[in-house]
Protein backbone atom coordinates (compact mmCIF):
# COMPACT_ATOMS: atom_id res chain seq x y z
CA UNK A 1 19.11 -9.94 -42.35
CA UNK A 2 16.80 -6.94 -42.71
CA UNK A 3 13.59 -6.17 -40.87
CA UNK A 4 11.48 -7.29 -43.86
CA UNK A 5 13.04 -10.74 -43.85
CA UNK A 6 12.62 -10.98 -40.08
CA UNK A 7 8.93 -10.06 -40.37
CA UNK A 8 8.36 -12.76 -42.99
CA UNK A 9 10.16 -15.40 -40.95
CA UNK A 10 8.21 -14.38 -37.86
CA UNK A 11 4.88 -14.58 -39.76
CA UNK A 12 5.69 -18.06 -41.04
CA UNK A 13 6.56 -19.13 -37.53
CA UNK A 14 3.16 -17.95 -36.21
CA UNK A 15 1.21 -19.66 -38.97
CA UNK A 16 3.17 -22.88 -38.54
CA UNK A 17 2.32 -22.91 -34.83
CA UNK A 18 -1.35 -22.25 -35.65
CA UNK A 19 -1.49 -25.32 -37.87
CA UNK A 20 -0.22 -27.29 -34.91
CA UNK A 21 -3.13 -26.03 -32.84
CA UNK A 22 -1.27 -23.34 -30.92
CA UNK A 23 -2.08 -19.62 -31.24
CA UNK A 24 0.54 -17.89 -29.13
CA UNK A 25 3.81 -16.01 -29.16
CA UNK A 26 6.68 -17.18 -31.33
CA UNK A 27 8.56 -20.13 -29.86
CA UNK A 28 10.76 -21.16 -32.76
CA UNK A 29 14.27 -21.76 -31.33
CA UNK A 30 16.13 -21.07 -34.60
CA UNK A 31 14.45 -17.70 -35.14
CA UNK A 32 15.04 -16.85 -31.53
CA UNK A 33 18.77 -17.60 -31.79
CA UNK A 34 19.16 -15.58 -34.99
CA UNK A 35 17.35 -12.54 -33.64
CA UNK A 36 19.27 -12.76 -30.35
CA UNK A 37 22.61 -12.61 -32.15
CA UNK A 38 21.54 -9.70 -34.35
CA UNK A 39 20.31 -7.67 -31.36
CA UNK A 40 23.53 -8.28 -29.39
CA UNK A 41 25.60 -6.92 -32.25
CA UNK A 42 23.21 -4.18 -33.37
CA UNK A 43 21.12 -2.55 -30.67
CA UNK A 44 19.69 -0.05 -33.16
CA UNK A 45 17.64 -2.82 -34.78
CA UNK A 46 14.99 -2.09 -32.15
CA UNK A 47 14.40 1.32 -33.72
CA UNK A 48 13.89 -0.29 -37.13
CA UNK A 49 11.40 -2.78 -35.80
CA UNK A 50 9.51 -0.40 -33.52
CA UNK A 51 9.82 3.37 -33.40
CA UNK A 52 9.22 3.73 -29.65
CA UNK A 53 11.31 0.70 -28.56
CA UNK A 54 13.91 2.77 -26.68
CA UNK A 55 11.16 4.74 -24.92
CA UNK A 56 9.55 1.50 -23.77
CA UNK A 57 12.84 0.14 -22.40
CA UNK A 58 13.69 3.41 -20.65
CA UNK A 59 10.23 3.74 -19.12
CA UNK A 60 10.26 0.17 -17.88
CA UNK A 61 13.68 0.42 -16.19
CA UNK A 62 13.76 4.02 -14.99
CA UNK A 63 13.79 4.43 -11.23
CA UNK A 64 14.21 0.75 -10.42
CA UNK A 65 16.59 0.04 -7.55
CA UNK A 66 17.19 -3.56 -8.65
CA UNK A 67 17.26 -4.04 -12.43
CA UNK A 68 17.13 -7.83 -12.49
CA UNK A 69 13.49 -8.23 -11.32
CA UNK A 70 12.56 -5.13 -13.32
CA UNK A 71 13.86 -6.76 -16.52
CA UNK A 72 11.89 -9.93 -15.84
CA UNK A 73 8.72 -7.94 -15.27
CA UNK A 74 9.33 -5.87 -18.40
CA UNK A 75 9.87 -9.01 -20.48
CA UNK A 76 6.59 -10.32 -19.15
CA UNK A 77 4.83 -7.13 -20.27
CA UNK A 78 6.33 -7.31 -23.78
CA UNK A 79 5.23 -10.93 -24.04
CA UNK A 80 1.67 -9.93 -23.16
CA UNK A 81 1.66 -7.15 -25.77
CA UNK A 82 3.02 -9.61 -28.34
CA UNK A 83 0.27 -12.07 -27.49
CA UNK A 84 -2.45 -9.46 -27.99
CA UNK A 85 -1.12 -8.61 -31.48
CA UNK A 86 -0.78 -12.30 -32.39
CA UNK A 87 -4.38 -13.01 -31.36
CA UNK A 88 -5.70 -10.26 -33.61
CA UNK A 89 -3.58 -11.50 -36.52
CA UNK A 90 -4.31 -15.22 -36.27
CA UNK A 91 -7.89 -15.13 -34.90
CA UNK A 92 -9.53 -11.86 -36.01
CA UNK A 93 -13.03 -13.40 -35.84
CA UNK A 94 -12.83 -14.08 -32.11
CA UNK A 95 -14.95 -11.38 -30.47
CA UNK A 96 -13.38 -11.84 -27.05
CA UNK A 97 -10.04 -10.57 -28.44
CA UNK A 98 -11.55 -7.27 -29.61
CA UNK A 99 -12.04 -5.87 -26.09
CA UNK A 100 -9.32 -5.46 -23.48
CA UNK A 101 -10.41 -4.66 -19.97
CA UNK A 102 -8.07 -2.22 -18.32
CA UNK A 103 -8.94 -3.57 -14.88
CA UNK A 104 -8.17 -7.19 -15.77
CA UNK A 105 -5.44 -9.04 -13.92
CA UNK A 106 -2.97 -9.04 -16.81
CA UNK A 107 -3.41 -5.34 -17.51
CA UNK A 108 -3.17 -4.23 -13.90
CA UNK A 109 -0.45 -6.52 -12.56
CA UNK A 110 1.71 -7.15 -15.63
CA UNK A 111 1.35 -4.16 -17.98
CA UNK A 112 0.75 -1.28 -15.58
CA UNK A 113 3.26 -2.79 -13.18
CA UNK A 114 6.00 -2.29 -15.80
CA UNK A 115 4.96 0.49 -18.22
CA UNK A 116 3.22 3.84 -18.06
CA UNK A 117 -0.36 4.30 -19.16
CA UNK A 118 0.52 6.55 -22.09
CA UNK A 119 2.93 4.05 -23.64
CA UNK A 120 0.47 1.23 -23.13
CA UNK A 121 -2.28 3.18 -24.90
CA UNK A 122 0.06 3.96 -27.78
CA UNK A 123 1.07 0.32 -28.14
CA UNK A 124 -2.53 -0.84 -28.28
CA UNK A 125 -3.43 1.89 -30.76
CA UNK A 126 -0.94 0.33 -33.20
CA UNK A 127 -3.03 -2.86 -33.02
CA UNK A 128 -6.27 -1.03 -33.77
CA UNK A 129 -7.54 -0.58 -30.22
CA UNK A 130 -9.15 2.67 -29.08
CA UNK A 131 -10.28 3.65 -25.60
CA UNK A 132 -14.00 3.03 -25.26
CA UNK A 133 -14.32 4.23 -21.68
CA UNK A 134 -12.29 4.26 -18.49
CA UNK A 135 -12.52 0.48 -18.19
CA UNK A 136 -11.91 -1.00 -21.64
CA UNK A 137 -10.14 -0.74 -25.01
CA UNK A 138 -12.04 -1.87 -28.13
CA UNK A 139 -10.99 -2.54 -31.71
CA UNK A 140 -12.80 0.09 -33.77
CA UNK A 141 -10.87 -0.28 -37.06
CA UNK A 142 -8.84 -3.50 -37.41
CA UNK A 143 -5.18 -2.89 -38.17
CA UNK A 144 -3.68 -4.42 -41.36
CA UNK A 145 -2.21 -7.90 -40.98
CA UNK A 146 1.27 -6.69 -41.91
CA UNK A 147 1.14 -4.06 -39.17
CA UNK A 148 0.02 -6.58 -36.55
CA UNK A 149 2.94 -8.85 -37.46
CA UNK A 150 5.35 -5.93 -37.22
CA UNK A 151 4.05 -4.92 -33.77
CA UNK A 152 4.28 -8.50 -32.52
CA UNK A 153 7.83 -8.85 -33.88
CA UNK A 154 8.90 -5.60 -32.20
CA UNK A 155 7.57 -6.83 -28.83
CA UNK A 156 9.32 -10.17 -29.40
CA UNK A 157 12.63 -8.35 -29.99
CA UNK A 158 12.14 -6.23 -26.86
CA UNK A 159 11.49 -9.40 -24.86
CA UNK A 160 14.78 -10.85 -26.12
CA UNK A 161 16.56 -7.59 -25.29
CA UNK A 162 15.42 -7.89 -21.66
CA UNK A 163 16.94 -11.38 -21.57
CA UNK A 164 20.19 -10.08 -23.08
CA UNK A 165 20.53 -7.34 -20.47
CA UNK A 166 19.65 -9.83 -17.73
CA UNK A 167 22.58 -11.98 -18.89
CA UNK A 168 24.85 -8.91 -18.79
CA UNK A 169 23.85 -8.28 -15.18
CA UNK A 170 24.45 -11.93 -14.31
CA UNK A 171 28.00 -11.76 -15.68
CA UNK A 172 28.57 -8.39 -14.01
CA UNK A 173 27.68 -9.87 -10.62
CA UNK A 174 25.32 -7.08 -9.57
CA UNK A 175 22.02 -5.62 -10.70
CA UNK A 176 22.13 -2.52 -8.49
CA UNK A 177 23.12 0.11 -11.03
CA UNK A 178 21.37 2.98 -12.84
CA UNK A 179 19.16 2.03 -15.77
CA UNK A 180 20.71 4.69 -18.04
CA UNK A 181 24.14 3.16 -17.49
CA UNK A 182 22.95 -0.27 -18.62
CA UNK A 183 21.20 1.11 -21.73
CA UNK A 184 24.23 3.23 -22.64
CA UNK A 185 26.52 0.22 -22.30
CA UNK A 186 24.27 -1.86 -24.54
CA UNK A 187 24.25 0.74 -27.31
CA UNK A 188 28.04 1.27 -27.14
CA UNK A 189 29.06 -2.42 -27.18
CA UNK A 190 28.97 -5.10 -29.85
CA UNK A 191 28.69 -8.18 -27.63
CA UNK A 192 27.90 -9.21 -24.09
CA UNK A 193 31.57 -9.37 -22.95
CA UNK A 194 32.35 -5.81 -24.08
CA UNK A 195 29.16 -4.58 -22.40
CA UNK A 196 30.19 -6.15 -19.11
CA UNK A 197 33.70 -4.61 -19.34
CA UNK A 198 32.24 -1.17 -20.07
CA UNK A 199 29.98 -1.37 -17.02
CA UNK A 200 32.82 -2.53 -14.79
CA UNK A 201 34.82 0.58 -15.68
CA UNK A 202 31.75 2.71 -15.09
CA UNK A 203 31.06 1.23 -11.68
CA UNK A 204 34.71 1.58 -10.64
CA UNK A 205 34.34 5.37 -10.62
CA UNK A 206 32.68 6.61 -7.41
CA UNK A 207 29.53 8.52 -8.18
CA UNK A 208 26.64 9.71 -6.10
CA UNK A 209 23.56 7.85 -7.32
CA UNK A 210 20.55 10.07 -8.05
CA UNK A 211 17.43 9.65 -5.92
CA UNK A 212 15.08 7.04 -7.29
CA UNK A 213 11.53 8.17 -8.08
CA UNK A 214 8.74 6.01 -6.70
CA UNK A 215 7.36 3.38 -9.00
CA UNK A 216 4.39 1.06 -8.94
CA UNK A 217 4.59 -2.50 -7.77
CA UNK A 218 6.51 -4.98 -9.89
CA UNK A 219 4.72 -7.24 -12.30
CA UNK A 220 3.58 -10.60 -11.15
CA UNK A 221 5.94 -13.26 -12.40
CA UNK A 222 4.74 -16.71 -13.30
CA UNK A 223 1.04 -15.87 -13.71
CA UNK A 224 -0.74 -16.78 -16.96
CA UNK A 225 -0.77 -14.06 -19.57
CA UNK A 226 -4.26 -12.63 -19.85
CA UNK A 227 -5.86 -9.31 -20.70
CA UNK A 228 -9.53 -9.92 -21.32
CA UNK A 229 -11.14 -10.96 -18.03
CA UNK A 230 -12.28 -8.95 -15.04
CA UNK A 231 -10.18 -8.72 -11.92
CA UNK A 232 -12.08 -9.08 -8.64
CA UNK A 233 -9.60 -8.52 -5.81
CA UNK A 234 -11.55 -10.64 -3.30
CA UNK A 235 -12.15 -13.53 -5.74
CA UNK A 236 -9.27 -13.73 -8.27
CA UNK A 237 -5.61 -14.08 -7.46
CA UNK A 238 -2.82 -12.87 -9.71
CA UNK A 239 -2.28 -16.43 -10.95
CA UNK A 240 -5.92 -16.65 -12.10
CA UNK A 241 -6.18 -13.28 -13.87
CA UNK A 242 -7.60 -13.56 -17.36
CA UNK A 243 -8.31 -11.55 -20.50
CA UNK A 244 -11.13 -13.15 -22.36
CA UNK A 245 -14.10 -13.97 -20.15
CA UNK A 246 -15.60 -13.30 -16.81
CA UNK A 247 -13.85 -14.66 -13.77
CA UNK A 248 -14.88 -18.18 -12.80
CA UNK A 249 -17.10 -18.24 -9.71
CA UNK A 250 -15.13 -18.94 -6.61
CA UNK A 251 -16.51 -21.07 -3.79
CA UNK A 252 -17.99 -19.07 -1.04
CA UNK A 253 -15.81 -18.97 2.00
CA UNK A 254 -17.80 -20.55 4.73
CA UNK A 255 -17.07 -19.56 8.26
CA UNK A 256 -16.33 -22.43 10.61
CA UNK A 257 -19.24 -23.60 12.68
CA UNK A 258 -18.93 -22.80 16.36
CA UNK A 259 -18.22 -25.82 18.47
CA UNK A 260 -20.30 -26.89 21.43
CA UNK A 261 -17.65 -25.78 23.87
CA UNK A 262 -16.98 -22.40 22.27
CA UNK A 263 -20.59 -21.33 21.60
CA UNK A 264 -20.93 -19.49 24.91
CA UNK A 265 -17.37 -18.82 25.94
CA UNK A 266 -18.23 -15.47 27.47
CA UNK A 267 -21.05 -16.91 29.60
CA UNK A 268 -20.29 -18.86 32.73
CA UNK A 269 -21.11 -22.55 32.70
CA UNK A 270 -24.38 -23.31 34.40
CA UNK A 271 -25.12 -26.80 35.69
CA UNK A 272 -28.26 -28.32 34.10
CA UNK A 273 -31.37 -28.60 36.24
CA UNK A 274 -31.26 -32.38 36.40
CA UNK A 275 -27.66 -32.32 37.63
CA UNK A 276 -28.59 -29.76 40.24
CA UNK A 277 -31.41 -32.01 41.46
CA UNK A 278 -29.07 -35.00 41.61
CA UNK A 279 -26.57 -33.01 43.62
CA UNK A 280 -29.20 -31.69 46.01
CA UNK A 281 -30.83 -35.05 46.74
CA UNK A 282 -27.65 -37.12 46.56
CA UNK A 283 -28.71 -39.18 43.51
CA UNK A 284 -26.10 -40.02 40.92
CA UNK A 285 -23.57 -37.55 42.23
CA UNK A 286 -21.98 -36.09 45.34
CA UNK A 287 -24.31 -35.02 48.09
CA UNK A 288 -25.00 -31.35 48.38
CA UNK A 289 -23.40 -29.59 51.32
CA UNK A 290 -24.18 -26.08 52.41
CA UNK A 291 -21.32 -23.72 52.96
CA UNK A 292 -20.37 -22.75 56.44
CA UNK A 293 -21.28 -19.10 56.08
CA UNK A 294 -24.64 -19.68 54.31
CA UNK A 295 -27.82 -19.31 56.43
CA UNK A 296 -29.87 -22.44 57.27
CA UNK A 297 -32.66 -23.49 54.97
CA UNK A 298 -35.81 -21.44 55.54
CA UNK A 299 -34.11 -18.81 57.68
CA UNK A 300 -34.59 -16.11 55.08
CA UNK A 301 -38.42 -16.48 55.19
CA UNK A 302 -39.91 -16.06 58.66
CA UNK A 303 -43.04 -18.21 59.03
CA UNK A 304 -45.73 -16.82 61.38
CA UNK A 305 -46.58 -19.08 64.31
CA UNK A 306 -50.05 -20.74 63.98
CA UNK A 307 -52.65 -19.91 66.66
CA UNK A 308 -53.31 -22.57 69.33
CA UNK A 309 -55.89 -25.18 68.42
CA UNK A 310 -59.34 -24.79 70.01
CA UNK A 311 -62.40 -27.04 69.59
CA UNK A 312 -64.65 -24.17 70.53
CA UNK A 313 -63.43 -22.15 67.59
CA UNK A 314 -63.86 -25.11 65.30
CA UNK A 315 -67.42 -25.74 66.57
CA UNK A 316 -68.37 -22.15 66.01
CA UNK A 317 -67.11 -22.31 62.48
CA UNK A 318 -69.00 -25.54 61.80
CA UNK A 319 -72.17 -24.14 63.30
CA UNK A 320 -72.68 -21.72 60.42
CA UNK A 321 -75.46 -23.10 58.14
CA UNK A 322 -73.86 -21.68 55.03
CA UNK A 323 -70.79 -23.89 55.54
CA UNK A 324 -72.56 -27.05 56.68
CA UNK A 325 -74.33 -29.45 54.38
CA UNK A 326 -76.75 -32.17 55.30
CA UNK A 327 -75.80 -35.85 54.83
CA UNK A 328 -78.29 -36.28 52.01
CA UNK A 329 -76.29 -33.81 49.97
CA UNK A 330 -73.55 -36.47 49.76
CA UNK A 331 -75.43 -39.15 47.87
CA UNK A 332 -72.26 -40.64 46.47
CA UNK A 333 -68.55 -40.22 46.24
CA UNK A 334 -67.18 -37.85 43.65
CA UNK A 335 -65.25 -40.66 41.97
CA UNK A 336 -68.48 -42.70 41.46
CA UNK A 337 -70.81 -40.02 40.20
CA UNK A 338 -69.46 -37.37 37.91
CA UNK A 339 -70.99 -33.98 38.26
CA UNK A 340 -71.98 -34.41 41.91
CA UNK A 341 -70.09 -31.27 42.72
CA UNK A 342 -71.80 -29.36 39.92
CA UNK A 343 -74.87 -27.52 41.27
CA UNK A 344 -78.09 -27.52 39.28
CA UNK A 345 -79.27 -24.36 37.65
CA UNK A 346 -81.15 -22.09 40.00
CA UNK A 347 -79.68 -23.53 43.20
CA UNK A 348 -77.20 -21.58 45.29
CA UNK A 349 -73.55 -22.52 44.94
CA UNK A 350 -72.38 -24.70 47.81
CA UNK A 351 -69.01 -25.98 48.90
CA UNK A 352 -69.68 -29.64 49.79
CA UNK A 353 -66.03 -30.61 49.73
CA UNK A 354 -65.28 -27.98 52.37
CA UNK A 355 -68.20 -29.05 54.57
CA UNK A 356 -67.37 -32.75 54.17
CA UNK A 357 -63.80 -32.18 55.23
CA UNK A 358 -64.95 -30.28 58.28
CA UNK A 359 -67.49 -33.00 59.13
CA UNK A 360 -64.86 -35.69 58.89
CA UNK A 361 -62.66 -33.69 61.20
CA UNK A 362 -65.50 -33.21 63.65
CA UNK A 363 -66.42 -36.93 63.64
CA UNK A 364 -62.93 -37.98 64.51
CA UNK A 365 -62.41 -35.46 67.29
CA UNK A 366 -63.82 -35.62 70.86
CA UNK A 367 -66.59 -33.17 71.68
CA UNK A 368 -65.71 -30.54 74.15
CA UNK A 369 -68.38 -30.13 76.76
CA UNK A 370 -69.24 -26.66 77.96
């Protein structure tokens, strides 16, 4: 089966799925089985389907210490590239598919986690994308439908190749081997069993493994394929990364309200005033007791001793006319007549309450005779 026949079968598969209401990557099991068998027997078919297929496989596996997770991440990246080409072929009128944001979750975590930036740009250029700025790729001139189908088929074949090599590693019993050894064994063998035998002979010879260059983080497995939506690191997780629209608003993270007991943890607890009063006067609580080493009440403030009482001094004070008022000044009690203490305008200000108190004191006390 040639590449032209494969492209036609792949196109029919996509259109059949679209009529069923599904616009996605090819999921036909019969086409998958046929292409799997052809790739196992003829590795060079990748070059016929896509000119840079070997470069994509080499770039995705080079420098990986463990090839098994690297193959799964690379298959995820090829699936995402296939999906982008399928969207442009089946739904060219959808404007959201004409712009790919290079900071979206799918681009950052899946594509850049597996492939270099140069190869990614080249793959998107085959679909008609061109770099608009540092943050997006935009379709300037739509690629022909036949070319979009060919690109999608090439990515589909590369995805199957990752699954074939993953099965080789599973039969081999280890995935800790150089990437060039696995690719060389795949090109030199005609089936999975012969590939495993070739690698077993290769691993039996002791060799010093070359130092592994640092690589970026692995692609996120299990997250939805998406290339068109923004990635906000504080709001979108890898499972929610998208390609087509803005990220859905996430609920604001509310900080827990401080409890009544933890509001003033650093401050010492102070007994309320009413509890202090109850403790002091012995009401509703234990009676207050002074400590043994505390001074007695009132010892801190020394009160001056009052002078001895003398009626002569009192009489002299009451004898001053300015402080003494006549009885007629007290026509009534202050509670019966309001304003009795208010002097009329033009009269001197008097202090009848002071004089009355002194008079009452004088009436109730015995007169001292000279």
